[in-house]
């Protein structure tokens, strides 16, 4: 089973969901706004992708929390990701012990089809 993590109204998540529907791929969606993921899941993702890939420094939440001024290191960023899931880049696709972050149709076709 393919697990998708994100926010239903996020444009990138919408594109990913459309890709999955177009290619008849079964998935489950976990919405960060209604169902947070914990540090264990964040740690799992970080074992597959680097912090730069996972941490969304362009998000509204990043700006609202003034994280640019705080300039957290990777350890502090991980703590922020555990507390504030909206700092995670979206969507996060988890399948067959692999993790894809963001919407990239070319990568999806290569890895999922």
PDB file of N, CA and C in Angstrom:
ATOM      1  N   UNK A   1       0.845  -1.189   0.000  1.00  0.00           N
ATOM      2  CA  UNK A   1       0.000   0.000   0.000  1.00  0.00           C
ATOM      3  C   UNK A   1       0.883   1.243   0.000  1.00  0.00           C
ATOM      4  N   UNK A   2       0.432   2.248  -0.693  1.00  0.00           N
ATOM      5  CA  UNK A   2       1.134   3.527  -0.767  1.00  0.00           C
ATOM      6  C   UNK A   2       0.491   4.486   0.220  1.00  0.00           C
ATOM      7  N   UNK A   3       1.313   5.116   1.052  1.00  0.00           N
ATOM      8  CA  UNK A   3       0.831   6.103   2.007  1.00  0.00           C
ATOM      9  C   UNK A   3       1.252   7.488   1.546  1.00  0.00           C
ATOM     10  N   UNK A   4       0.300   8.401   1.544  1.00  0.00           N
ATOM     11  CA  UNK A   4       0.569   9.789   1.182  1.00  0.00           C
ATOM     12  C   UNK A   4       0.306  10.640   2.414  1.00  0.00           C
ATOM     13  N   UNK A   5       1.255  11.525   2.710  1.00  0.00           N
ATOM     14  CA  UNK A   5       1.125  12.440   3.841  1.00  0.00           C
ATOM     15  C   UNK A   5       1.145  13.853   3.301  1.00  0.00           C
ATOM     16  N   UNK A   6       0.231  14.685   3.777  1.00  0.00           N
ATOM     17  CA  UNK A   6       0.175  16.062   3.305  1.00  0.00           C
ATOM     18  C   UNK A   6      -1.068  16.758   3.812  1.00  0.00           C
ATOM     19  N   UNK A   7      -1.497  17.748   3.045  1.00  0.00           N
ATOM     20  CA  UNK A   7      -2.696  18.526   3.360  1.00  0.00           C
ATOM     21  C   UNK A   7      -3.590  18.491   2.127  1.00  0.00           C
ATOM     22  N   UNK A   8      -4.852  18.162   2.328  1.00  0.00           N
ATOM     23  CA  UNK A   8      -5.775  17.986   1.207  1.00  0.00           C
ATOM     24  C   UNK A   8      -5.851  19.188   0.276  1.00  0.00           C
ATOM     25  N   UNK A   9      -5.744  20.400   0.824  1.00  0.00           N
ATOM     26  CA  UNK A   9      -5.905  21.585  -0.028  1.00  0.00           C
ATOM     27  C   UNK A   9      -4.582  22.118  -0.590  1.00  0.00           C
ATOM     28  N   UNK A  10      -3.480  21.400  -0.375  1.00  0.00           N
ATOM     29  CA  UNK A  10      -2.175  21.784  -0.921  1.00  0.00           C
ATOM     30  C   UNK A  10      -2.135  21.439  -2.414  1.00  0.00           C
ATOM     31  N   UNK A  11      -1.687  22.368  -3.249  1.00  0.00           N
ATOM     32  CA  UNK A  11      -1.645  22.141  -4.702  1.00  0.00           C
ATOM     33  C   UNK A  11      -0.785  20.934  -5.082  1.00  0.00           C
ATOM     34  N   UNK A  12       0.362  20.782  -4.442  1.00  0.00           N
ATOM     35  CA  UNK A  12       1.239  19.644  -4.750  1.00  0.00           C
ATOM     36  C   UNK A  12       0.578  18.323  -4.379  1.00  0.00           C
ATOM     37  N   UNK A  13      -0.118  18.310  -3.266  1.00  0.00           N
ATOM     38  CA  UNK A  13      -0.826  17.098  -2.843  1.00  0.00           C
ATOM     39  C   UNK A  13      -1.950  16.805  -3.832  1.00  0.00           C
ATOM     40  N   UNK A  14      -2.668  17.821  -4.254  1.00  0.00           N
ATOM     41  CA  UNK A  14      -3.744  17.632  -5.237  1.00  0.00           C
ATOM     42  C   UNK A  14      -3.201  17.029  -6.533  1.00  0.00           C
ATOM     43  N   UNK A  15      -2.046  17.517  -6.983  1.00  0.00           N
ATOM     44  CA  UNK A  15      -1.434  16.969  -8.202  1.00  0.00           C
ATOM     45  C   UNK A  15      -1.054  15.506  -8.005  1.00  0.00           C
ATOM     46  N   UNK A  16      -0.486  15.197  -6.834  1.00  0.00           N
ATOM     47  CA  UNK A  16      -0.110  13.810  -6.546  1.00  0.00           C
ATOM     48  C   UNK A  16      -1.336  12.909  -6.528  1.00  0.00           C
ATOM     49  N   UNK A  17      -2.397  13.347  -5.863  1.00  0.00           N
ATOM     50  CA  UNK A  17      -3.620  12.545  -5.800  1.00  0.00           C
ATOM     51  C   UNK A  17      -4.201  12.323  -7.194  1.00  0.00           C
ATOM     52  N   UNK A  18      -4.133  13.346  -8.026  1.00  0.00           N
ATOM     53  CA  UNK A  18      -4.604  13.222  -9.398  1.00  0.00           C
ATOM     54  C   UNK A  18      -3.767  12.186 -10.160  1.00  0.00           C
ATOM     55  N   UNK A  19      -2.461  12.217  -9.981  1.00  0.00           N
ATOM     56  CA  UNK A  19      -1.565  11.235 -10.610  1.00  0.00           C
ATOM     57  C   UNK A  19      -1.961   9.829 -10.175  1.00  0.00           C
ATOM     58  N   UNK A  20      -2.170   9.633  -8.878  1.00  0.00           N
ATOM     59  CA  UNK A  20      -2.519   8.313  -8.359  1.00  0.00           C
ATOM     60  C   UNK A  20      -3.853   7.840  -8.915  1.00  0.00           C
ATOM     61  N   UNK A  21      -4.823   8.734  -8.996  1.00  0.00           N
ATOM     62  CA  UNK A  21      -6.139   8.362  -9.541  1.00  0.00           C
ATOM     63  C   UNK A  21      -6.033   8.041 -11.032  1.00  0.00           C
ATOM     64  N   UNK A  22      -5.307   8.859 -11.781  1.00  0.00           N
ATOM     65  CA  UNK A  22      -5.134   8.647 -13.221  1.00  0.00           C
ATOM     66  C   UNK A  22      -4.506   7.287 -13.507  1.00  0.00           C
ATOM     67  N   UNK A  23      -3.575   6.865 -12.656  1.00  0.00           N
ATOM     68  CA  UNK A  23      -2.853   5.607 -12.880  1.00  0.00           C
ATOM     69  C   UNK A  23      -3.392   4.454 -12.034  1.00  0.00           C
ATOM     70  N   UNK A  24      -4.583   4.656 -11.480  1.00  0.00           N
ATOM     71  CA  UNK A  24      -5.252   3.613 -10.693  1.00  0.00           C
ATOM     72  C   UNK A  24      -4.363   3.006  -9.613  1.00  0.00           C
ATOM     73  N   UNK A  25      -3.654   3.847  -8.898  1.00  0.00           N
ATOM     74  CA  UNK A  25      -2.799   3.398  -7.801  1.00  0.00           C
ATOM     75  C   UNK A  25      -3.553   3.578  -6.484  1.00  0.00           C
ATOM     76  N   UNK A  26      -3.618   2.524  -5.701  1.00  0.00           N
ATOM     77  CA  UNK A  26      -4.301   2.598  -4.412  1.00  0.00           C
ATOM     78  C   UNK A  26      -3.404   3.291  -3.400  1.00  0.00           C
ATOM     79  N   UNK A  27      -4.010   4.103  -2.556  1.00  0.00           N
ATOM     80  CA  UNK A  27      -3.250   4.847  -1.558  1.00  0.00           C
ATOM     81  C   UNK A  27      -4.130   5.184  -0.367  1.00  0.00           C
ATOM     82  N   UNK A  28      -3.470   5.567   0.713  1.00  0.00           N
ATOM     83  CA  UNK A  28      -4.167   6.159   1.848  1.00  0.00           C
ATOM     84  C   UNK A  28      -3.559   7.551   2.030  1.00  0.00           C
ATOM     85  N   UNK A  29      -4.381   8.474   2.482  1.00  0.00           N
ATOM     86  CA  UNK A  29      -3.923   9.848   2.704  1.00  0.00           C
ATOM     87  C   UNK A  29      -4.033  10.187   4.180  1.00  0.00           C
ATOM     88  N   UNK A  30      -2.952  10.676   4.741  1.00  0.00           N
ATOM     89  CA  UNK A  30      -2.979  11.189   6.114  1.00  0.00           C
ATOM     90  C   UNK A  30      -2.787  12.694   6.037  1.00  0.00           C
ATOM     91  N   UNK A  31      -3.789  13.427   6.506  1.00  0.00           N
ATOM     92  CA  UNK A  31      -3.776  14.884   6.457  1.00  0.00           C
ATOM     93  C   UNK A  31      -3.135  15.435   7.729  1.00  0.00           C
ATOM     94  N   UNK A  32      -2.041  16.206   7.564  1.00  0.00           N
ATOM     95  CA  UNK A  32      -1.331  16.786   8.702  1.00  0.00           C
ATOM     96  C   UNK A  32      -2.209  17.694   9.550  1.00  0.00           C
ATOM     97  N   UNK A  33      -3.193  18.319   8.939  1.00  0.00           N
ATOM     98  CA  UNK A  33      -4.028  19.254   9.695  1.00  0.00           C
ATOM     99  C   UNK A  33      -4.923  18.536  10.696  1.00  0.00           C
ATOM    100  N   UNK A  34      -5.313  17.314  10.388  1.00  0.00           N
ATOM    101  CA  UNK A  34      -6.221  16.591  11.269  1.00  0.00           C
ATOM    102  C   UNK A  34      -5.558  15.435  12.003  1.00  0.00           C
ATOM    103  N   UNK A  35      -4.391  14.993  11.532  1.00  0.00           N
ATOM    104  CA  UNK A  35      -3.746  13.814  12.112  1.00  0.00           C
ATOM    105  C   UNK A  35      -2.228  13.965  12.044  1.00  0.00           C
ATOM    106  N   UNK A  36      -1.656  14.568  13.084  1.00  0.00           N
ATOM    107  CA  UNK A  36      -0.209  14.793  13.132  1.00  0.00           C
ATOM    108  C   UNK A  36       0.571  13.487  13.085  1.00  0.00           C
ATOM    109  N   UNK A  37       1.776  13.557  12.533  1.00  0.00           N
ATOM    110  CA  UNK A  37       2.718  12.449  12.630  1.00  0.00           C
ATOM    111  C   UNK A  37       3.712  12.807  13.726  1.00  0.00           C
ATOM    112  N   UNK A  38       4.257  11.820  14.369  1.00  0.00           N
ATOM    113  CA  UNK A  38       5.181  12.064  15.463  1.00  0.00           C
ATOM    114  C   UNK A  38       6.635  11.988  15.048  1.00  0.00           C
ATOM    115  N   UNK A  39       7.503  12.084  16.043  1.00  0.00           N
ATOM    116  CA  UNK A  39       8.949  12.071  15.809  1.00  0.00           C
ATOM    117  C   UNK A  39       9.436  10.754  15.207  1.00  0.00           C
ATOM    118  N   UNK A  40       8.771   9.668  15.548  1.00  0.00           N
ATOM    119  CA  UNK A  40       9.192   8.382  15.000  1.00  0.00           C
ATOM    120  C   UNK A  40       9.071   8.383  13.472  1.00  0.00           C
ATOM    121  N   UNK A  41       7.972   8.917  12.968  1.00  0.00           N
ATOM    122  CA  UNK A  41       7.763   8.979  11.519  1.00  0.00           C
ATOM    123  C   UNK A  41       8.739   9.964  10.875  1.00  0.00           C
ATOM    124  N   UNK A  42       8.928  11.121  11.506  1.00  0.00           N
ATOM    125  CA  UNK A  42       9.887  12.110  10.991  1.00  0.00           C
ATOM    126  C   UNK A  42      11.284  11.492  10.923  1.00  0.00           C
ATOM    127  N   UNK A  43      11.678  10.765  11.948  1.00  0.00           N
ATOM    128  CA  UNK A  43      12.990  10.098  11.973  1.00  0.00           C
ATOM    129  C   UNK A  43      13.102   9.078  10.839  1.00  0.00           C
ATOM    130  N   UNK A  44      12.021   8.332  10.615  1.00  0.00           N
ATOM    131  CA  UNK A  44      12.008   7.352   9.527  1.00  0.00           C
ATOM    132  C   UNK A  44      12.244   8.047   8.185  1.00  0.00           C
ATOM    133  N   UNK A  45      11.517   9.132   7.948  1.00  0.00           N
ATOM    134  CA  UNK A  45      11.693   9.853   6.690  1.00  0.00           C
ATOM    135  C   UNK A  45      13.109  10.386   6.549  1.00  0.00           C
ATOM    136  N   UNK A  46      13.670  10.895   7.656  1.00  0.00           N
ATOM    137  CA  UNK A  46      15.028  11.440   7.616  1.00  0.00           C
ATOM    138  C   UNK A  46      16.081  10.347   7.422  1.00  0.00           C
ATOM    139  N   UNK A  47      15.705   9.105   7.623  1.00  0.00           N
ATOM    140  CA  UNK A  47      16.636   8.011   7.324  1.00  0.00           C
ATOM    141  C   UNK A  47      16.654   7.714   5.821  1.00  0.00           C
ATOM    142  N   UNK A  48      15.712   8.304   5.076  1.00  0.00           N
ATOM    143  CA  UNK A  48      15.615   8.098   3.626  1.00  0.00           C
ATOM    144  C   UNK A  48      15.946   9.351   2.812  1.00  0.00           C
ATOM    145  N   UNK A  49      15.667  10.513   3.362  1.00  0.00           N
ATOM    146  CA  UNK A  49      15.929  11.781   2.653  1.00  0.00           C
ATOM    147  C   UNK A  49      16.617  12.737   3.620  1.00  0.00           C
ATOM    148  N   UNK A  50      17.294  13.736   3.077  1.00  0.00           N
ATOM    149  CA  UNK A  50      17.999  14.679   3.950  1.00  0.00           C
ATOM    150  C   UNK A  50      17.063  15.780   4.452  1.00  0.00           C
ATOM    151  N   UNK A  51      17.563  16.531   5.413  1.00  0.00           N
ATOM    152  CA  UNK A  51      16.749  17.583   6.040  1.00  0.00           C
ATOM    153  C   UNK A  51      16.318  18.626   5.024  1.00  0.00           C
ATOM    154  N   UNK A  52      17.205  18.986   4.113  1.00  0.00           N
ATOM    155  CA  UNK A  52      16.880  20.016   3.113  1.00  0.00           C
ATOM    156  C   UNK A  52      15.675  19.586   2.267  1.00  0.00           C
ATOM    157  N   UNK A  53      15.593  18.310   1.989  1.00  0.00           N
ATOM    158  CA  UNK A  53      14.478  17.783   1.200  1.00  0.00           C
ATOM    159  C   UNK A  53      13.179  17.791   1.993  1.00  0.00           C
ATOM    160  N   UNK A  54      13.259  17.501   3.281  1.00  0.00           N
ATOM    161  CA  UNK A  54      12.057  17.321   4.091  1.00  0.00           C
ATOM    162  C   UNK A  54      11.531  18.608   4.723  1.00  0.00           C
ATOM    163  N   UNK A  55      12.422  19.538   5.057  1.00  0.00           N
ATOM    164  CA  UNK A  55      12.046  20.750   5.788  1.00  0.00           C
ATOM    165  C   UNK A  55      11.629  21.842   4.814  1.00  0.00           C
ATOM    166  N   UNK A  56      10.413  22.361   4.990  1.00  0.00           N
ATOM    167  CA  UNK A  56       9.863  23.357   4.073  1.00  0.00           C
ATOM    168  C   UNK A  56      10.115  24.773   4.598  1.00  0.00           C
ATOM    169  N   UNK A  57      11.221  25.350   4.168  1.00  0.00           N
ATOM    170  CA  UNK A  57      11.563  26.704   4.620  1.00  0.00           C
ATOM    171  C   UNK A  57      10.845  27.783   3.805  1.00  0.00           C
ATOM    172  N   UNK A  58       9.963  27.378   2.914  1.00  0.00           N
ATOM    173  CA  UNK A  58       9.184  28.341   2.127  1.00  0.00           C
ATOM    174  C   UNK A  58       7.725  28.397   2.575  1.00  0.00           C
ATOM    175  N   UNK A  59       7.411  27.666   3.640  1.00  0.00           N
ATOM    176  CA  UNK A  59       6.010  27.583   4.077  1.00  0.00           C
ATOM    177  C   UNK A  59       5.577  28.809   4.872  1.00  0.00           C
ATOM    178  N   UNK A  60       4.282  29.009   4.909  1.00  0.00           N
ATOM    179  CA  UNK A  60       3.692  30.073   5.725  1.00  0.00           C
ATOM    180  C   UNK A  60       4.033  29.839   7.193  1.00  0.00           C
ATOM    181  N   UNK A  61       3.991  28.585   7.619  1.00  0.00           N
ATOM    182  CA  UNK A  61       4.301  28.256   9.014  1.00  0.00           C
ATOM    183  C   UNK A  61       5.732  28.664   9.356  1.00  0.00           C
ATOM    184  N   UNK A  62       6.659  28.435   8.455  1.00  0.00           N
ATOM    185  CA  UNK A  62       8.063  28.820   8.655  1.00  0.00           C
ATOM    186  C   UNK A  62       8.170  30.325   8.893  1.00  0.00           C
ATOM    187  N   UNK A  63       7.465  31.091   8.079  1.00  0.00           N
ATOM    188  CA  UNK A  63       7.497  32.548   8.227  1.00  0.00           C
ATOM    189  C   UNK A  63       6.785  32.998   9.501  1.00  0.00           C
ATOM    190  N   UNK A  64       5.633  32.398   9.787  1.00  0.00           N
ATOM    191  CA  UNK A  64       4.857  32.755  10.970  1.00  0.00           C
ATOM    192  C   UNK A  64       5.643  32.515  12.260  1.00  0.00           C
ATOM    193  N   UNK A  65       6.413  31.435  12.292  1.00  0.00           N
ATOM    194  CA  UNK A  65       7.195  31.092  13.483  1.00  0.00           C
ATOM    195  C   UNK A  65       8.538  31.835  13.547  1.00  0.00           C
ATOM    196  N   UNK A  66       8.789  32.687  12.541  1.00  0.00           N
ATOM    197  CA  UNK A  66      10.048  33.448  12.478  1.00  0.00           C
ATOM    198  C   UNK A  66      11.285  32.560  12.533  1.00  0.00           C
ATOM    199  N   UNK A  67      11.224  31.414  11.882  1.00  0.00           N
ATOM    200  CA  UNK A  67      12.342  30.479  11.926  1.00  0.00           C
ATOM    201  C   UNK A  67      13.555  30.973  11.144  1.00  0.00           C
ATOM    202  N   UNK A  68      13.339  31.863  10.198  1.00  0.00           N
ATOM    203  CA  UNK A  68      14.483  32.419   9.472  1.00  0.00           C
ATOM    204  C   UNK A  68      15.392  33.169  10.440  1.00  0.00           C
ATOM    205  N   UNK A  69      14.788  33.923  11.343  1.00  0.00           N
ATOM    206  CA  UNK A  69      15.556  34.681  12.324  1.00  0.00           C
ATOM    207  C   UNK A  69      16.222  33.752  13.342  1.00  0.00           C
ATOM    208  N   UNK A  70      15.530  32.675  13.716  1.00  0.00           N
ATOM    209  CA  UNK A  70      16.064  31.712  14.682  1.00  0.00           C
ATOM    210  C   UNK A  70      17.215  30.912  14.054  1.00  0.00           C
ATOM    211  N   UNK A  71      17.109  30.637  12.751  1.00  0.00           N
ATOM    212  CA  UNK A  71      18.110  29.886  11.991  1.00  0.00           C
ATOM    213  C   UNK A  71      18.473  28.562  12.678  1.00  0.00           C
ATOM    214  N   UNK A  72      17.502  27.663  12.807  1.00  0.00           N
ATOM    215  CA  UNK A  72      17.757  26.401  13.505  1.00  0.00           C
ATOM    216  C   UNK A  72      18.730  25.487  12.749  1.00  0.00           C
ATOM    217  N   UNK A  73      19.528  24.728  13.504  1.00  0.00           N
ATOM    218  CA  UNK A  73      20.386  23.722  12.868  1.00  0.00           C
ATOM    219  C   UNK A  73      19.523  22.481  12.587  1.00  0.00           C
ATOM    220  N   UNK A  74      20.113  21.450  11.983  1.00  0.00           N
ATOM    221  CA  UNK A  74      19.325  20.276  11.593  1.00  0.00           C
ATOM    222  C   UNK A  74      18.664  19.578  12.780  1.00  0.00           C
ATOM    223  N   UNK A  75      19.339  19.530  13.900  1.00  0.00           N
ATOM    224  CA  UNK A  75      18.757  18.906  15.096  1.00  0.00           C
ATOM    225  C   UNK A  75      17.529  19.691  15.564  1.00  0.00           C
ATOM    226  N   UNK A  76      17.641  20.998  15.565  1.00  0.00           N
ATOM    227  CA  UNK A  76      16.509  21.847  15.959  1.00  0.00           C
ATOM    228  C   UNK A  76      15.389  21.774  14.924  1.00  0.00           C
ATOM    229  N   UNK A  77      15.752  21.682  13.657  1.00  0.00           N
ATOM    230  CA  UNK A  77      14.734  21.547  12.611  1.00  0.00           C
ATOM    231  C   UNK A  77      13.927  20.270  12.816  1.00  0.00           C
ATOM    232  N   UNK A  78      14.622  19.192  13.178  1.00  0.00           N
ATOM    233  CA  UNK A  78      13.921  17.929  13.425  1.00  0.00           C
ATOM    234  C   UNK A  78      12.910  18.105  14.562  1.00  0.00           C
ATOM    235  N   UNK A  79      13.313  18.789  15.621  1.00  0.00           N
ATOM    236  CA  UNK A  79      12.394  19.048  16.731  1.00  0.00           C
ATOM    237  C   UNK A  79      11.182  19.851  16.252  1.00  0.00           C
ATOM    238  N   UNK A  80      11.428  20.841  15.401  1.00  0.00           N
ATOM    239  CA  UNK A  80      10.324  21.641  14.860  1.00  0.00           C
ATOM    240  C   UNK A  80       9.396  20.773  14.006  1.00  0.00           C
ATOM    241  N   UNK A  81       9.973  19.896  13.179  1.00  0.00           N
ATOM    242  CA  UNK A  81       9.146  19.027  12.338  1.00  0.00           C
ATOM    243  C   UNK A  81       8.255  18.122  13.184  1.00  0.00           C
ATOM    244  N   UNK A  82       8.778  17.654  14.303  1.00  0.00           N
ATOM    245  CA  UNK A  82       7.993  16.798  15.195  1.00  0.00           C
ATOM    246  C   UNK A  82       6.816  17.553  15.806  1.00  0.00           C
ATOM    247  N   UNK A  83       7.020  18.825  16.115  1.00  0.00           N
ATOM    248  CA  UNK A  83       5.973  19.635  16.752  1.00  0.00           C
ATOM    249  C   UNK A  83       5.035  20.275  15.740  1.00  0.00           C
ATOM    250  N   UNK A  84       5.580  20.693  14.625  1.00  0.00           N
ATOM    251  CA  UNK A  84       4.817  21.449  13.615  1.00  0.00           C
ATOM    252  C   UNK A  84       4.873  20.728  12.271  1.00  0.00           C
ATOM    253  N   UNK A  85       3.970  19.779  12.062  1.00  0.00           N
ATOM    254  CA  UNK A  85       3.978  19.001  10.817  1.00  0.00           C
ATOM    255  C   UNK A  85       3.797  19.852   9.572  1.00  0.00           C
ATOM    256  N   UNK A  86       3.254  21.047   9.716  1.00  0.00           N
ATOM    257  CA  UNK A  86       3.067  21.904   8.543  1.00  0.00           C
ATOM    258  C   UNK A  86       4.398  22.432   8.012  1.00  0.00           C
ATOM    259  N   UNK A  87       5.500  22.162   8.704  1.00  0.00           N
ATOM    260  CA  UNK A  87       6.833  22.513   8.205  1.00  0.00           C
ATOM    261  C   UNK A  87       7.399  21.440   7.275  1.00  0.00           C
ATOM    262  N   UNK A  88       6.696  20.323   7.147  1.00  0.00           N
ATOM    263  CA  UNK A  88       7.124  19.244   6.253  1.00  0.00           C
ATOM    264  C   UNK A  88       6.762  19.593   4.814  1.00  0.00           C
ATOM    265  N   UNK A  89       7.695  19.348   3.900  1.00  0.00           N
ATOM    266  CA  UNK A  89       7.372  19.519   2.475  1.00  0.00           C
ATOM    267  C   UNK A  89       6.326  18.474   2.117  1.00  0.00           C
ATOM    268  N   UNK A  90       5.497  18.823   1.142  1.00  0.00           N
ATOM    269  CA  UNK A  90       4.392  17.950   0.779  1.00  0.00           C
ATOM    270  C   UNK A  90       4.335  17.730  -0.729  1.00  0.00           C
ATOM    271  N   UNK A  91       3.766  16.598  -1.107  1.00  0.00           N
ATOM    272  CA  UNK A  91       3.393  15.444  -0.304  1.00  0.00           C
ATOM    273  C   UNK A  91       4.610  14.576   0.022  1.00  0.00           C
ATOM    274  N   UNK A  92       4.450  13.732   1.009  1.00  0.00           N
ATOM    275  CA  UNK A  92       5.448  12.710   1.318  1.00  0.00           C
ATOM    276  C   UNK A  92       4.806  11.385   0.935  1.00  0.00           C
ATOM    277  N   UNK A  93       5.465  10.661   0.042  1.00  0.00           N
ATOM    278  CA  UNK A  93       4.950   9.385  -0.461  1.00  0.00           C
ATOM    279  C   UNK A  93       5.824   8.282   0.134  1.00  0.00           C
ATOM    280  N   UNK A  94       5.174   7.331   0.753  1.00  0.00           N
ATOM    281  CA  UNK A  94       5.884   6.243   1.425  1.00  0.00           C
ATOM    282  C   UNK A  94       5.392   4.919   0.843  1.00  0.00           C
ATOM    283  N   UNK A  95       6.335   4.092   0.343  1.00  0.00           N
ATOM    284  CA  UNK A  95       5.967   2.804  -0.228  1.00  0.00           C
ATOM    285  C   UNK A  95       7.213   1.928  -0.332  1.00  0.00           C
ATOM    286  N   UNK A  96       7.040   0.638  -0.167  1.00  0.00           N
ATOM    287  CA  UNK A  96       8.121  -0.343  -0.346  1.00  0.00           C
ATOM    288  C   UNK A  96       9.448   0.126   0.247  1.00  0.00           C
ATOM    289  N   UNK A  97       9.426   0.633   1.459  1.00  0.00           N
ATOM    290  CA  UNK A  97      10.633   1.113   2.143  1.00  0.00           C
ATOM    291  C   UNK A  97      11.324   2.251   1.388  1.00  0.00           C
ATOM    292  N   UNK A  98      10.541   3.025   0.631  1.00  0.00           N
ATOM    293  CA  UNK A  98      11.059   4.196  -0.074  1.00  0.00           C
ATOM    294  C   UNK A  98      10.255   5.414   0.361  1.00  0.00           C
ATOM    295  N   UNK A  99      10.872   6.585   0.208  1.00  0.00           N
ATOM    296  CA  UNK A  99      10.206   7.839   0.547  1.00  0.00           C
ATOM    297  C   UNK A  99      10.473   8.844  -0.569  1.00  0.00           C
ATOM    298  N   UNK A 100       9.394   9.412  -1.107  1.00  0.00           N
ATOM    299  CA  UNK A 100       9.491  10.484  -2.097  1.00  0.00           C
ATOM    300  C   UNK A 100       8.886  11.733  -1.474  1.00  0.00           C
ATOM    301  N   UNK A 101       9.524  12.882  -1.709  1.00  0.00           N
ATOM    302  CA  UNK A 101       9.033  14.132  -1.128  1.00  0.00           C
ATOM    303  C   UNK A 101       8.783  15.133  -2.248  1.00  0.00           C
ATOM    304  N   UNK A 102       7.600  15.752  -2.210  1.00  0.00           N
ATOM    305  CA  UNK A 102       7.227  16.732  -3.227  1.00  0.00           C
ATOM    306  C   UNK A 102       6.569  16.055  -4.412  1.00  0.00           C
ATOM    307  N   UNK A 103       6.014  16.877  -5.284  1.00  0.00           N
ATOM    308  CA  UNK A 103       5.379  16.322  -6.484  1.00  0.00           C
ATOM    309  C   UNK A 103       6.356  16.413  -7.648  1.00  0.00           C
ATOM    310  N   UNK A 104       6.680  15.261  -8.240  1.00  0.00           N
ATOM    311  CA  UNK A 104       7.562  15.191  -9.391  1.00  0.00           C
ATOM    312  C   UNK A 104       7.049  14.053 -10.271  1.00  0.00           C
ATOM    313  N   UNK A 105       6.307  14.413 -11.310  1.00  0.00           N
ATOM    314  CA  UNK A 105       5.653  13.404 -12.144  1.00  0.00           C
ATOM    315  C   UNK A 105       6.654  12.431 -12.763  1.00  0.00           C
ATOM    316  N   UNK A 106       7.790  12.935 -13.209  1.00  0.00           N
ATOM    317  CA  UNK A 106       8.809  12.080 -13.814  1.00  0.00           C
ATOM    318  C   UNK A 106       9.303  11.032 -12.804  1.00  0.00           C
ATOM    319  N   UNK A 107       9.569  11.475 -11.594  1.00  0.00           N
ATOM    320  CA  UNK A 107      10.024  10.558 -10.539  1.00  0.00           C
ATOM    321  C   UNK A 107       8.910   9.576 -10.174  1.00  0.00           C
ATOM    322  N   UNK A 108       7.683  10.057 -10.100  1.00  0.00           N
ATOM    323  CA  UNK A 108       6.553   9.176  -9.783  1.00  0.00           C
ATOM    324  C   UNK A 108       6.443   8.069 -10.833  1.00  0.00           C
ATOM    325  N   UNK A 109       6.530   8.430 -12.108  1.00  0.00           N
ATOM    326  CA  UNK A 109       6.420   7.431 -13.177  1.00  0.00           C
ATOM    327  C   UNK A 109       7.533   6.387 -13.058  1.00  0.00           C
ATOM    328  N   UNK A 110       8.740   6.869 -12.767  1.00  0.00           N
ATOM    329  CA  UNK A 110       9.893   5.968 -12.650  1.00  0.00           C
ATOM    330  C   UNK A 110       9.737   5.033 -11.452  1.00  0.00           C
ATOM    331  N   UNK A 111       9.318   5.556 -10.313  1.00  0.00           N
ATOM    332  CA  UNK A 111       9.298   4.773  -9.075  1.00  0.00           C
ATOM    333  C   UNK A 111       7.995   4.005  -8.846  1.00  0.00           C
ATOM    334  N   UNK A 112       6.878   4.497  -9.347  1.00  0.00           N
ATOM    335  CA  UNK A 112       5.585   3.941  -8.987  1.00  0.00           C
ATOM    336  C   UNK A 112       4.899   3.136 -10.090  1.00  0.00           C
ATOM    337  N   UNK A 113       5.295   3.342 -11.334  1.00  0.00           N
ATOM    338  CA  UNK A 113       4.609   2.625 -12.431  1.00  0.00           C
ATOM    339  C   UNK A 113       5.409   1.453 -12.938  1.00  0.00           C
TER     340      UNK A 113
END
